C-alpha atoms as a PDB file:
ATOM      1  CA  MET A   1      -9.817  22.952 -22.154  1.00  0.00           C
ATOM      2  CA  ASN A   2     -11.910  20.721 -24.654  1.00  0.00           C
ATOM      3  CA  LYS A   3     -14.770  18.779 -23.775  1.00  0.00           C
ATOM      4  CA  ILE A   4     -12.827  15.506 -22.825  1.00  0.00           C
ATOM      5  CA  ASP A   5     -10.902  17.215 -20.330  1.00  0.00           C
ATOM      6  CA  LYS A   6     -14.142  18.516 -18.860  1.00  0.00           C
ATOM      7  CA  TYR A   7     -15.661  15.506 -18.821  1.00  0.00           C
ATOM      8  CA  LEU A   8     -12.850  13.903 -16.971  1.00  0.00           C
ATOM      9  CA  ILE A   9     -12.382  16.509 -14.340  1.00  0.00           C
ATOM     10  CA  PHE A  10     -16.294  16.546 -13.485  1.00  0.00           C
ATOM     11  CA  THR A  11     -16.490  12.695 -13.356  1.00  0.00           C
ATOM     12  CA  LEU A  12     -13.360  12.549 -11.048  1.00  0.00           C
ATOM     13  CA  VAL A  13     -14.568  15.292  -8.572  1.00  0.00           C
ATOM     14  CA  CYS A  14     -18.093  13.476  -8.602  1.00  0.00           C
ATOM     15  CA  LEU A  15     -16.308  10.465  -7.275  1.00  0.00           C
ATOM     16  CA  VAL A  16     -13.864  12.114  -4.641  1.00  0.00           C
ATOM     17  CA  ALA A  17     -16.983  14.012  -3.499  1.00  0.00           C
ATOM     18  CA  ASN A  18     -19.151  10.667  -3.301  1.00  0.00           C
ATOM     19  CA  THR A  19     -16.512   8.918  -1.316  1.00  0.00           C
ATOM     20  CA  GLY A  20     -15.753  11.897   0.870  1.00  0.00           C
ATOM     21  CA  LEU A  21     -19.446  12.216   1.838  1.00  0.00           C
ATOM     22  CA  LYS A  22     -20.019   8.737   2.582  1.00  0.00           C
ATOM     23  CA  ALA A  23     -16.821   8.499   4.720  1.00  0.00           C
ATOM     24  CA  GLY A  24     -18.557  11.392   6.633  1.00  0.00           C
ATOM     25  CA  PHE A  25     -21.824  10.480   7.298  1.00  0.00           C
ATOM     26  CA  ILE A  26     -22.648   6.918   6.221  1.00  0.00           C
ATOM     27  CA  LYS A  27     -22.713   4.672   9.365  1.00  0.00           C
ATOM     28  CA  ASP A  28     -21.737   1.348   8.142  1.00  0.00           C
ATOM     29  CA  VAL A  29     -20.666  -1.921   9.683  1.00  0.00           C
ATOM     30  CA  SER A  30     -16.853  -2.531   9.631  1.00  0.00           C
ATOM     31  CA  LYS A  31     -15.665  -5.551   7.882  1.00  0.00           C
ATOM     32  CA  VAL A  32     -11.857  -5.571   9.363  1.00  0.00           C
ATOM     33  CA  GLY A  33     -10.492  -9.114   9.447  1.00  0.00           C
ATOM     34  CA  THR A  34     -12.549 -10.414   6.536  1.00  0.00           C
ATOM     35  CA  THR A  35      -9.755 -10.681   4.144  1.00  0.00           C
ATOM     36  CA  GLY A  36      -6.393 -12.394   3.512  1.00  0.00           C
ATOM     37  CA  ALA A  37      -2.787 -10.795   3.051  1.00  0.00           C
ATOM     38  CA  PRO A  38      -3.637  -7.418   5.025  1.00  0.00           C
ATOM     39  CA  PHE A  39      -0.087  -6.580   4.850  1.00  0.00           C
ATOM     40  CA  LEU A  40      -0.811  -5.173   1.213  1.00  0.00           C
ATOM     41  CA  GLU A  41      -2.390  -2.479   2.937  1.00  0.00           C
ATOM     42  CA  ILE A  42       0.420  -1.301   4.697  1.00  0.00           C
ATOM     43  CA  GLU A  43       1.478   1.852   3.138  1.00  0.00           C
ATOM     44  CA  ALA A  44       4.939   2.140   1.732  1.00  0.00           C
ATOM     45  CA  GLY A  45       7.347   5.258   1.522  1.00  0.00           C
ATOM     46  CA  ALA A  46       8.541   7.533   4.427  1.00  0.00           C
ATOM     47  CA  ARG A  47       7.647  10.852   2.108  1.00  0.00           C
ATOM     48  CA  SER A  48       3.920   9.810   1.517  1.00  0.00           C
ATOM     49  CA  ILE A  49       3.304   8.688   4.965  1.00  0.00           C
ATOM     50  CA  GLY A  50       4.534  11.850   6.135  1.00  0.00           C
ATOM     51  CA  MET A  51       1.916  13.669   4.281  1.00  0.00           C
ATOM     52  CA  GLY A  52      -0.886  11.320   5.822  1.00  0.00           C
ATOM     53  CA  GLY A  53      -1.012   8.876   3.339  1.00  0.00           C
ATOM     54  CA  ALA A  54      -2.398  11.382   1.076  1.00  0.00           C
ATOM     55  CA  PHE A  55      -0.395  10.317  -2.256  1.00  0.00           C
ATOM     56  CA  VAL A  56      -2.576   8.779  -5.075  1.00  0.00           C
ATOM     57  CA  ALA A  57      -2.783  11.996  -7.176  1.00  0.00           C
ATOM     58  CA  LEU A  58       0.849  13.283  -6.031  1.00  0.00           C
ATOM     59  CA  ALA A  59       2.818   9.918  -6.783  1.00  0.00           C
ATOM     60  CA  ASP A  60       5.687  10.713  -8.519  1.00  0.00           C
ATOM     61  CA  ASP A  61       8.438   8.753  -7.190  1.00  0.00           C
ATOM     62  CA  ALA A  62       9.755   5.245  -6.867  1.00  0.00           C
ATOM     63  CA  THR A  63       6.693   4.474  -4.486  1.00  0.00           C
ATOM     64  CA  ALA A  64       4.482   4.856  -7.085  1.00  0.00           C
ATOM     65  CA  THR A  65       4.414   1.326  -7.816  1.00  0.00           C
ATOM     66  CA  TYR A  66       2.390   1.108  -4.577  1.00  0.00           C
ATOM     67  CA  TRP A  67       0.377   4.308  -4.655  1.00  0.00           C
ATOM     68  CA  ASN A  68      -0.397   4.609  -8.186  1.00  0.00           C
ATOM     69  CA  PRO A  69       1.450   2.984 -11.267  1.00  0.00           C
ATOM     70  CA  ALA A  70       0.120   5.788 -13.479  1.00  0.00           C
ATOM     71  CA  GLY A  71       2.684   8.036 -11.860  1.00  0.00           C
ATOM     72  CA  MET A  72       5.723   6.068 -12.628  1.00  0.00           C
ATOM     73  CA  VAL A  73       6.017   7.764 -16.079  1.00  0.00           C
ATOM     74  CA  LYS A  74       6.671  11.025 -14.076  1.00  0.00           C
ATOM     75  CA  VAL A  75       9.902   9.757 -12.714  1.00  0.00           C
ATOM     76  CA  ASN A  76      12.793  11.422 -14.902  1.00  0.00           C
ATOM     77  CA  GLY A  77      15.237   8.403 -15.576  1.00  0.00           C
ATOM     78  CA  ASN A  78      16.001   5.720 -12.927  1.00  0.00           C
ATOM     79  CA  GLU A  79      14.841   5.561  -9.469  1.00  0.00           C
ATOM     80  CA  ALA A  80      15.038   3.086  -6.578  1.00  0.00           C
ATOM     81  CA  ILE A  81      13.747   3.008  -2.991  1.00  0.00           C
ATOM     82  CA  PHE A  82      14.545   1.475   0.086  1.00  0.00           C
ATOM     83  CA  ASN A  83      12.054   1.013   2.868  1.00  0.00           C
ATOM     84  CA  HIS A  84      12.621  -0.845   6.220  1.00  0.00           C
ATOM     85  CA  VAL A  85      10.171  -0.309   9.123  1.00  0.00           C
ATOM     86  CA  GLN A  86       9.996  -1.870  12.547  1.00  0.00           C
ATOM     87  CA  TRP A  87       6.145  -2.589  12.264  1.00  0.00           C
ATOM     88  CA  LEU A  88       3.907  -2.939  15.136  1.00  0.00           C
ATOM     89  CA  ALA A  89       4.366  -6.301  17.289  1.00  0.00           C
ATOM     90  CA  ASP A  90       7.900  -6.597  16.475  1.00  0.00           C
ATOM     91  CA  ILE A  91       7.174  -7.474  13.119  1.00  0.00           C
ATOM     92  CA  ASN A  92       9.719  -6.353  10.101  1.00  0.00           C
ATOM     93  CA  TYR A  93       8.342  -4.469   7.044  1.00  0.00           C
ATOM     94  CA  ASP A  94      10.471  -4.045   3.730  1.00  0.00           C
ATOM     95  CA  TYR A  95       9.414  -2.368   0.496  1.00  0.00           C
ATOM     96  CA  VAL A  96      12.021  -2.131  -2.181  1.00  0.00           C
ATOM     97  CA  SER A  97      11.076  -0.639  -5.652  1.00  0.00           C
ATOM     98  CA  PHE A  98      12.832   0.313  -9.009  1.00  0.00           C
ATOM     99  CA  ILE A  99      11.244   2.504 -11.844  1.00  0.00           C
ATOM    100  CA  SER A 100      13.128   2.991 -15.208  1.00  0.00           C
ATOM    101  CA  ASN A 101      11.724   5.799 -17.452  1.00  0.00           C
ATOM    102  CA  PHE A 102      13.187   4.840 -20.913  1.00  0.00           C
ATOM    103  CA  ASP A 103      11.860   7.472 -23.122  1.00  0.00           C
ATOM    104  CA  GLY A 104       9.484  10.222 -21.232  1.00  0.00           C
ATOM    105  CA  ASN A 105       6.308   8.229 -22.319  1.00  0.00           C
ATOM    106  CA  ASN A 106       6.854   4.683 -21.014  1.00  0.00           C
ATOM    107  CA  ALA A 107       8.088   3.669 -17.625  1.00  0.00           C
ATOM    108  CA  PHE A 108       8.741   0.195 -16.368  1.00  0.00           C
ATOM    109  CA  GLY A 109       9.098  -0.818 -12.420  1.00  0.00           C
ATOM    110  CA  VAL A 110       9.876  -3.725 -10.328  1.00  0.00           C
ATOM    111  CA  SER A 111       8.948  -3.732  -6.638  1.00  0.00           C
ATOM    112  CA  TYR A 112       9.059  -6.244  -3.355  1.00  0.00           C
ATOM    113  CA  THR A 113       6.897  -5.977  -0.243  1.00  0.00           C
ATOM    114  CA  GLY A 114       7.772  -8.334   2.585  1.00  0.00           C
ATOM    115  CA  LEU A 115       6.699  -8.951   6.232  1.00  0.00           C
ATOM    116  CA  SER A 116       8.604 -11.081   8.507  1.00  0.00           C
ATOM    117  CA  MET A 117       9.263 -11.968  12.057  1.00  0.00           C
ATOM    118  CA  GLY A 118      11.035 -13.990  14.441  1.00  0.00           C
ATOM    119  CA  ASP A 119      10.800 -17.612  14.949  1.00  0.00           C
ATOM    120  CA  MET A 120       8.029 -18.554  17.510  1.00  0.00           C
ATOM    121  CA  LYS A 121       7.792 -21.922  19.882  1.00  0.00           C
ATOM    122  CA  VAL A 122       5.424 -24.582  18.726  1.00  0.00           C
ATOM    123  CA  ARG A 123       3.099 -25.007  21.791  1.00  0.00           C
ATOM    124  CA  THR A 124       0.557 -27.686  21.820  1.00  0.00           C
ATOM    125  CA  VAL A 125      -2.035 -28.327  24.850  1.00  0.00           C
ATOM    126  CA  GLN A 126      -0.094 -31.253  26.270  1.00  0.00           C
ATOM    127  CA  GLU A 127       3.172 -29.064  26.234  1.00  0.00           C
ATOM    128  CA  PRO A 128       1.972 -25.324  26.852  1.00  0.00           C
ATOM    129  CA  GLU A 129       5.866 -24.276  27.259  1.00  0.00           C
ATOM    130  CA  GLY A 130       6.776 -25.739  23.730  1.00  0.00           C
ATOM    131  CA  THR A 131       7.376 -28.745  21.955  1.00  0.00           C
ATOM    132  CA  GLY A 132      10.994 -28.028  21.248  1.00  0.00           C
ATOM    133  CA  GLU A 133      10.169 -26.843  17.522  1.00  0.00           C
ATOM    134  CA  LYS A 134       9.694 -23.253  16.234  1.00  0.00           C
ATOM    135  CA  PHE A 135       7.718 -21.931  13.308  1.00  0.00           C
ATOM    136  CA  SER A 136       7.795 -18.661  11.510  1.00  0.00           C
ATOM    137  CA  ALA A 137       5.137 -16.665   9.370  1.00  0.00           C
ATOM    138  CA  GLY A 138       5.409 -14.021   6.565  1.00  0.00           C
ATOM    139  CA  SER A 139       4.088 -12.394   3.770  1.00  0.00           C
ATOM    140  CA  MET A 140       5.608 -11.065   0.502  1.00  0.00           C
ATOM    141  CA  ALA A 141       4.474  -9.819  -3.059  1.00  0.00           C
ATOM    142  CA  LEU A 142       6.188  -9.228  -6.176  1.00  0.00           C
ATOM    143  CA  GLY A 143       4.903  -6.595  -8.391  1.00  0.00           C
ATOM    144  CA  LEU A 144       5.900  -5.990 -12.033  1.00  0.00           C
ATOM    145  CA  SER A 145       4.732  -2.682 -13.333  1.00  0.00           C
ATOM    146  CA  TYR A 146       4.077  -0.493 -16.751  1.00  0.00           C
ATOM    147  CA  SER A 147       3.131   3.122 -17.059  1.00  0.00           C
ATOM    148  CA  ARG A 148       2.479   5.089 -20.235  1.00  0.00           C
ATOM    149  CA  ARG A 149       1.739   8.862 -21.018  1.00  0.00           C
ATOM    150  CA  LEU A 150      -1.331   9.129 -23.349  1.00  0.00           C
ATOM    151  CA  THR A 151      -1.552  12.607 -23.577  1.00  0.00           C
ATOM    152  CA  ASP A 152       0.412  15.525 -21.939  1.00  0.00           C
ATOM    153  CA  ARG A 153      -2.266  15.414 -19.401  1.00  0.00           C
ATOM    154  CA  PHE A 154      -3.246  11.902 -19.026  1.00  0.00           C
ATOM    155  CA  THR A 155      -1.152   8.926 -17.473  1.00  0.00           C
ATOM    156  CA  ILE A 156      -2.292   5.399 -17.006  1.00  0.00           C
ATOM    157  CA  GLY A 157      -0.446   2.405 -15.285  1.00  0.00           C
ATOM    158  CA  PHE A 158      -0.682  -1.051 -14.464  1.00  0.00           C
ATOM    159  CA  THR A 159       0.730  -3.465 -11.702  1.00  0.00           C
ATOM    160  CA  GLY A 160       0.777  -7.308 -11.992  1.00  0.00           C
ATOM    161  CA  LYS A 161       1.966  -8.907  -8.518  1.00  0.00           C
ATOM    162  CA  TYR A 162       2.460 -12.525  -7.059  1.00  0.00           C
ATOM    163  CA  ILE A 163       1.332 -12.370  -3.587  1.00  0.00           C
ATOM    164  CA  ASN A 164       2.336 -15.295  -1.059  1.00  0.00           C
ATOM    165  CA  GLU A 165       1.585 -15.800   2.833  1.00  0.00           C
ATOM    166  CA  ASN A 166       3.049 -18.747   5.105  1.00  0.00           C
ATOM    167  CA  ILE A 167       3.087 -19.840   8.744  1.00  0.00           C
ATOM    168  CA  TYR A 168       4.683 -23.069   9.892  1.00  0.00           C
ATOM    169  CA  HIS A 169       3.427 -25.572   7.162  1.00  0.00           C
ATOM    170  CA  GLU A 170       0.977 -24.056   5.533  1.00  0.00           C
ATOM    171  CA  SER A 171       1.079 -21.400   2.791  1.00  0.00           C
ATOM    172  CA  THR A 172      -1.426 -19.502   0.374  1.00  0.00           C
ATOM    173  CA  SER A 173      -0.761 -17.608  -2.876  1.00  0.00           C
ATOM    174  CA  ALA A 174      -2.554 -15.363  -5.435  1.00  0.00           C
ATOM    175  CA  PHE A 175      -1.941 -13.103  -8.321  1.00  0.00           C
ATOM    176  CA  ALA A 176      -3.436  -9.437  -8.466  1.00  0.00           C
ATOM    177  CA  MET A 177      -3.532  -6.437 -10.383  1.00  0.00           C
ATOM    178  CA  ASP A 178      -3.369  -2.915  -9.652  1.00  0.00           C
ATOM    179  CA  ILE A 179      -4.629  -0.048 -12.271  1.00  0.00           C
ATOM    180  CA  GLY A 180      -4.178   3.440 -11.855  1.00  0.00           C
ATOM    181  CA  THR A 181      -4.690   6.872 -13.583  1.00  0.00           C
ATOM    182  CA  GLN A 182      -3.499  10.591 -12.983  1.00  0.00           C
ATOM    183  CA  PHE A 183      -4.989  13.649 -14.903  1.00  0.00           C
ATOM    184  CA  ARG A 184      -3.292  16.984 -14.782  1.00  0.00           C
ATOM    185  CA  THR A 185      -6.085  19.774 -14.955  1.00  0.00           C
ATOM    186  CA  PRO A 186      -5.864  23.127 -16.561  1.00  0.00           C
ATOM    187  CA  PHE A 187      -6.693  24.826 -13.346  1.00  0.00           C
ATOM    188  CA  LYS A 188      -3.498  25.842 -11.695  1.00  0.00           C
ATOM    189  CA  ASN A 189      -1.765  22.472 -12.757  1.00  0.00           C
ATOM    190  CA  MET A 190      -4.261  20.496 -10.001  1.00  0.00           C
ATOM    191  CA  ILE A 191      -3.649  16.618 -10.375  1.00  0.00           C
ATOM    192  CA  ILE A 192      -6.426  14.006  -9.951  1.00  0.00           C
ATOM    193  CA  GLY A 193      -5.570  10.385  -9.505  1.00  0.00           C
ATOM    194  CA  MET A 194      -7.241   7.363  -9.076  1.00  0.00           C
ATOM    195  CA  SER A 195      -6.265   3.763  -8.145  1.00  0.00           C
ATOM    196  CA  ILE A 196      -7.797   0.623  -7.726  1.00  0.00           C
ATOM    197  CA  SER A 197      -5.394  -2.062  -5.773  1.00  0.00           C
ATOM    198  CA  ASN A 198      -5.466  -5.664  -5.203  1.00  0.00           C
ATOM    199  CA  PHE A 199      -7.984  -6.973  -7.600  1.00  0.00           C
ATOM    200  CA  GLY A 200      -7.324 -10.678  -7.505  1.00  0.00           C
ATOM    201  CA  ASN A 201      -8.358 -14.209  -6.887  1.00  0.00           C
ATOM    202  CA  LYS A 202      -9.117 -15.659  -3.358  1.00  0.00           C
ATOM    203  CA  MET A 203      -6.483 -17.215  -1.248  1.00  0.00           C
ATOM    204  CA  LYS A 204      -6.815 -20.569   0.617  1.00  0.00           C
ATOM    205  CA  MET A 205      -4.269 -22.016   2.827  1.00  0.00           C
ATOM    206  CA  VAL A 206      -3.110 -25.656   2.082  1.00  0.00           C
ATOM    207  CA  GLY A 207      -0.279 -27.623   3.668  1.00  0.00           C
ATOM    208  CA  LYS A 208       0.671 -30.862   5.530  1.00  0.00           C
ATOM    209  CA  ASP A 209      -0.772 -30.192   8.880  1.00  0.00           C
ATOM    210  CA  LEU A 210      -4.230 -29.951   7.298  1.00  0.00           C
ATOM    211  CA  LEU A 211      -3.764 -33.773   6.934  1.00  0.00           C
ATOM    212  CA  ILE A 212      -5.551 -35.400   9.716  1.00  0.00           C
ATOM    213  CA  LYS A 213      -6.972 -39.069  10.614  1.00  0.00           C
ATOM    214  CA  HIS A 214     -10.533 -39.413  11.381  1.00  0.00           C
ATOM    215  CA  ASP A 215     -12.814 -42.003  12.852  1.00  0.00           C
ATOM    216  CA  ILE A 216     -16.091 -41.877  10.490  1.00  0.00           C
ATOM    217  CA  ASP A 217     -18.163 -43.415  13.226  1.00  0.00           C
ATOM    218  CA  GLU A 218     -17.055 -43.583  16.787  1.00  0.00           C
ATOM    219  CA  ASN A 219     -20.103 -45.741  17.645  1.00  0.00           C
ATOM    220  CA  ILE A 220     -19.146 -48.761  15.610  1.00  0.00           C
ATOM    221  CA  GLU A 221     -16.946 -51.115  17.014  1.00  0.00           C
ATOM    222  CA  GLY A 222     -14.250 -52.639  14.537  1.00  0.00           C
ATOM    223  CA  ASN A 223     -14.074 -50.268  11.966  1.00  0.00           C
ATOM    224  CA  ASN A 224     -11.143 -48.048  10.576  1.00  0.00           C
ATOM    225  CA  ASP A 225     -10.720 -45.308  12.870  1.00  0.00           C
ATOM    226  CA  ARG A 226      -8.018 -43.729  11.026  1.00  0.00           C
ATOM    227  CA  ILE A 227      -9.234 -42.519   8.013  1.00  0.00           C
ATOM    228  CA  SER A 228      -6.986 -40.142   6.269  1.00  0.00           C
ATOM    229  CA  GLY A 229      -9.027 -36.805   6.009  1.00  0.00           C
ATOM    230  CA  HIS A 230      -8.056 -33.021   5.040  1.00  0.00           C
ATOM    231  CA  LEU A 231      -9.009 -29.907   6.756  1.00  0.00           C
ATOM    232  CA  ASP A 232     -11.066 -27.634   4.055  1.00  0.00           C
ATOM    233  CA  THR A 233     -10.079 -23.902   4.673  1.00  0.00           C
ATOM    234  CA  ASP A 234     -12.134 -20.949   3.693  1.00  0.00           C
ATOM    235  CA  LYS A 235     -10.810 -18.804   0.690  1.00  0.00           C
ATOM    236  CA  TRP A 236     -10.326 -15.097   1.568  1.00  0.00           C
ATOM    237  CA  SER A 237     -10.715 -12.472  -0.890  1.00  0.00           C
ATOM    238  CA  LEU A 238      -7.665  -9.598  -1.284  1.00  0.00           C
ATOM    239  CA  PRO A 239      -8.107  -6.282   0.443  1.00  0.00           C
ATOM    240  CA  LEU A 240      -9.514  -4.452  -2.577  1.00  0.00           C
ATOM    241  CA  LEU A 241      -8.891  -0.620  -2.110  1.00  0.00           C
ATOM    242  CA  LEU A 242     -10.273   2.038  -4.320  1.00  0.00           C
ATOM    243  CA  ARG A 243      -8.154   5.395  -3.689  1.00  0.00           C
ATOM    244  CA  ILE A 244      -9.482   8.776  -5.263  1.00  0.00           C
ATOM    245  CA  GLY A 245      -7.131  11.959  -4.724  1.00  0.00           C
ATOM    246  CA  VAL A 246      -6.671  15.718  -5.539  1.00  0.00           C
ATOM    247  CA  ALA A 247      -3.161  17.397  -5.512  1.00  0.00           C
ATOM    248  CA  MET A 248      -2.090  20.806  -6.334  1.00  0.00           C
ATOM    249  CA  ASP A 249       0.577  23.471  -5.355  1.00  0.00           C
ATOM    250  CA  ILE A 250      -0.956  26.697  -3.516  1.00  0.00           C
ATOM    251  CA  LEU A 251       2.858  28.119  -3.778  1.00  0.00           C
ATOM    252  CA  ASN A 252       5.493  27.636  -6.166  1.00  0.00           C
ATOM    253  CA  THR A 253       8.074  30.015  -6.359  1.00  0.00           C
ATOM    254  CA  ARG A 254      11.796  29.969  -7.199  1.00  0.00           C
ATOM    255  CA  TYR A 255      12.777  28.925  -3.758  1.00  0.00           C
ATOM    256  CA  ASN A 256       9.518  27.779  -2.042  1.00  0.00           C
ATOM    257  CA  ARG A 257       6.523  25.183  -2.953  1.00  0.00           C
ATOM    258  CA  VAL A 258       3.586  24.332  -0.851  1.00  0.00           C
ATOM    259  CA  THR A 259       1.727  21.023  -1.898  1.00  0.00           C
ATOM    260  CA  ILE A 260      -1.343  19.860  -0.469  1.00  0.00           C
ATOM    261  CA  SER A 261      -3.441  16.861  -1.076  1.00  0.00           C
ATOM    262  CA  THR A 262      -6.142  14.588   0.037  1.00  0.00           C
ATOM    263  CA  ASP A 263      -7.314  11.116  -0.906  1.00  0.00           C
ATOM    264  CA  ALA A 264     -10.761   9.264  -0.380  1.00  0.00           C
ATOM    265  CA  MET A 265     -10.446   5.854   0.324  1.00  0.00           C
ATOM    266  CA  HIS A 266     -13.096   2.982  -0.044  1.00  0.00           C
ATOM    267  CA  PRO A 267     -11.786  -0.637   0.984  1.00  0.00           C
ATOM    268  CA  ASN A 268     -13.872  -3.735   0.849  1.00  0.00           C
ATOM    269  CA  ASP A 269     -12.670  -4.333   4.650  1.00  0.00           C
ATOM    270  CA  ASN A 270     -13.287  -1.254   6.451  1.00  0.00           C
ATOM    271  CA  LEU A 271     -15.224   1.829   6.413  1.00  0.00           C
ATOM    272  CA  GLU A 272     -14.630   4.760   4.195  1.00  0.00           C
ATOM    273  CA  SER A 273     -12.156   7.529   5.218  1.00  0.00           C
ATOM    274  CA  ILE A 274     -10.057  10.457   3.891  1.00  0.00           C
ATOM    275  CA  ASN A 275      -6.344  11.060   4.360  1.00  0.00           C
ATOM    276  CA  ILE A 276      -5.279  14.962   4.155  1.00  0.00           C
ATOM    277  CA  GLY A 277      -1.665  16.120   3.920  1.00  0.00           C
ATOM    278  CA  GLY A 278       0.850  18.620   2.834  1.00  0.00           C
ATOM    279  CA  GLU A 279       4.646  19.003   1.879  1.00  0.00           C
ATOM    280  CA  TYR A 280       6.727  22.203   2.246  1.00  0.00           C
ATOM    281  CA  SER A 281       9.651  22.349   0.043  1.00  0.00           C
ATOM    282  CA  PHE A 282      12.630  24.879   0.039  1.00  0.00           C
ATOM    283  CA  ARG A 283      14.918  24.947  -3.233  1.00  0.00           C
ATOM    284  CA  GLU A 284      13.912  20.901  -3.636  1.00  0.00           C
ATOM    285  CA  PHE A 285      16.368  20.545  -1.371  1.00  0.00           C
ATOM    286  CA  LEU A 286      14.731  20.392   2.060  1.00  0.00           C
ATOM    287  CA  PHE A 287      11.258  19.205   3.023  1.00  0.00           C
ATOM    288  CA  LEU A 288       8.863  19.088   5.591  1.00  0.00           C
ATOM    289  CA  ARG A 289       5.607  17.183   5.775  1.00  0.00           C
ATOM    290  CA  ALA A 290       2.415  16.967   7.842  1.00  0.00           C
ATOM    291  CA  GLY A 291      -0.877  15.122   7.479  1.00  0.00           C
ATOM    292  CA  TYR A 292      -3.849  13.049   9.028  1.00  0.00           C
ATOM    293  CA  THR A 293      -4.616   9.930   8.441  1.00  0.00           C
ATOM    294  CA  ASN A 294      -7.892   8.001   8.407  1.00  0.00           C
ATOM    295  CA  LEU A 295     -10.265  10.982   8.781  1.00  0.00           C
ATOM    296  CA  PHE A 296     -13.800  10.001   9.853  1.00  0.00           C
ATOM    297  CA  LEU A 297     -12.875   6.563  10.028  1.00  0.00           C
ATOM    298  CA  LYS A 298     -14.800   4.743  13.162  1.00  0.00           C
ATOM    299  CA  ASP A 299     -12.285   3.075  15.530  1.00  0.00           C
ATOM    300  CA  GLY A 300      -9.389   4.054  13.760  1.00  0.00           C
ATOM    301  CA  GLU A 301      -5.991   4.088  15.373  1.00  0.00           C
ATOM    302  CA  GLU A 302      -3.795   5.773  12.837  1.00  0.00           C
ATOM    303  CA  SER A 303      -4.236   9.746  13.138  1.00  0.00           C
ATOM    304  CA  LEU A 304      -1.250  12.617  13.137  1.00  0.00           C
ATOM    305  CA  ALA A 305       1.582  12.029  10.698  1.00  0.00           C
ATOM    306  CA  ALA A 306       4.541  14.124  10.140  1.00  0.00           C
ATOM    307  CA  GLY A 307       8.106  13.794   8.416  1.00  0.00           C
ATOM    308  CA  ALA A 308      10.823  15.593   6.981  1.00  0.00           C
ATOM    309  CA  GLY A 309      13.453  14.695   4.088  1.00  0.00           C
ATOM    310  CA  ILE A 310      16.405  16.273   1.909  1.00  0.00           C
ATOM    311  CA  ASN A 311      17.699  15.470  -1.656  1.00  0.00           C
ATOM    312  CA  TYR A 312      21.744  15.677  -2.091  1.00  0.00           C
ATOM    313  CA  GLN A 313      22.927  15.661  -5.461  1.00  0.00           C
ATOM    314  CA  ILE A 314      25.895  13.940  -6.111  1.00  0.00           C
ATOM    315  CA  ARG A 315      27.805  16.497  -8.570  1.00  0.00           C
ATOM    316  CA  ASN A 316      25.372  15.711 -11.965  1.00  0.00           C
ATOM    317  CA  LEU A 317      25.466  12.167 -11.613  1.00  0.00           C
ATOM    318  CA  ALA A 318      22.742  11.000  -9.234  1.00  0.00           C
ATOM    319  CA  THR A 319      20.544  12.331  -6.137  1.00  0.00           C
ATOM    320  CA  ILE A 320      20.296  10.517  -2.939  1.00  0.00           C
ATOM    321  CA  LYS A 321      16.924  11.097  -1.157  1.00  0.00           C
ATOM    322  CA  LEU A 322      17.007  10.747   2.705  1.00  0.00           C
ATOM    323  CA  ASP A 323      13.068  10.628   4.103  1.00  0.00           C
ATOM    324  CA  TYR A 324      11.655  10.276   7.723  1.00  0.00           C
ATOM    325  CA  ALA A 325       8.189   9.639   8.772  1.00  0.00           C
ATOM    326  CA  TYR A 326       6.361   9.443  12.232  1.00  0.00           C
ATOM    327  CA  SER A 327       2.774   7.906  12.598  1.00  0.00           C
ATOM    328  CA  ASP A 328       0.682   8.192  15.674  1.00  0.00           C
ATOM    329  CA  PHE A 329      -0.990   4.646  16.100  1.00  0.00           C
ATOM    330  CA  GLY A 330      -3.046   5.835  19.348  1.00  0.00           C
ATOM    331  CA  ILE A 331      -2.914   3.016  22.031  1.00  0.00           C
ATOM    332  CA  LEU A 332      -0.201   1.046  19.795  1.00  0.00           C
ATOM    333  CA  ASN A 333       3.503   2.048  19.327  1.00  0.00           C
ATOM    334  CA  ASP A 334       3.959   4.947  17.406  1.00  0.00           C
ATOM    335  CA  VAL A 335       6.095   3.814  13.963  1.00  0.00           C
ATOM    336  CA  HIS A 336       8.818   5.758  12.685  1.00  0.00           C
ATOM    337  CA  ARG A 337       9.931   4.900   9.106  1.00  0.00           C
ATOM    338  CA  PHE A 338      12.935   5.842   6.853  1.00  0.00           C
ATOM    339  CA  SER A 339      13.625   5.738   3.479  1.00  0.00           C
ATOM    340  CA  ILE A 340      16.387   5.997   1.144  1.00  0.00           C
ATOM    341  CA  SER A 341      16.234   6.740  -2.667  1.00  0.00           C
ATOM    342  CA  LEU A 342      18.624   6.848  -5.480  1.00  0.00           C
ATOM    343  CA  LYS A 343      18.020   8.743  -8.482  1.00  0.00           C
ATOM    344  CA  PHE A 344      20.203   8.406 -11.214  1.00  0.00           C
END
């Protein structure tokens, strides 16, 4: 192990330890609800969710476009994933990603994240039962990613994405970037990963419903009481999130593999927390997973997670991956997630 490798290991381990200590012992004020586009924090992929969301160091499949773009280069060939979730409060969540690794050292990816819901009645004070109109609300993000293997142990990746949210006649958009790294250490192939997600400009709602008619001075008779005006909404930051994690195989034989991982998270709209999880594999065909989400997070709803999956190879042409995950959301409804992946 050279000096650069030792320095990287030492630095990243210190960052993980520091974030973990803060999550466990520092009592801070929660900033939940202070950012725009919170749908970007909904985690993608049944495999990673089944492991409690501890995936930033392990990311090695098509969900790497969400978790850590540095992991895309670990995908052999091409892989696509489709993920649909009946989210809380009858909200639909969809995530689609495709990764292509051209030469083993460079990989490109595209991804789509969408949040949608059914139409709702427009209600006013005068007509609380509805005006006859309906409105909808939704969010989406389109991402373009690139990953490169710099050395046999170190990879780096980037994602640029366009974000849009809309409700009724108002909408807002922003551009953001994710950056991630993964470093495979000489110690039993332990992997240390890091990602920073959603670094971008602020979002501000605009639309025709913000246009109003205003009386400049109600005490003056005869003036124009219908001056055109505009409601100026606040700007909201994106949900910036730093993840630092470690993953390693504690058992790896011909037929059996056990992988454990942990992520320390530092968001700008909540307190620090830790995710932990594990995956058991039998002949890389059958998978069992379990984890715990948001450990040490005060007032957090997510907790236990579990999942399973199978990989079915179609001769030598392609591999189909089917994954399921269960998440406990406390007083809210439990969430069941299914993902289907095609690797070719």
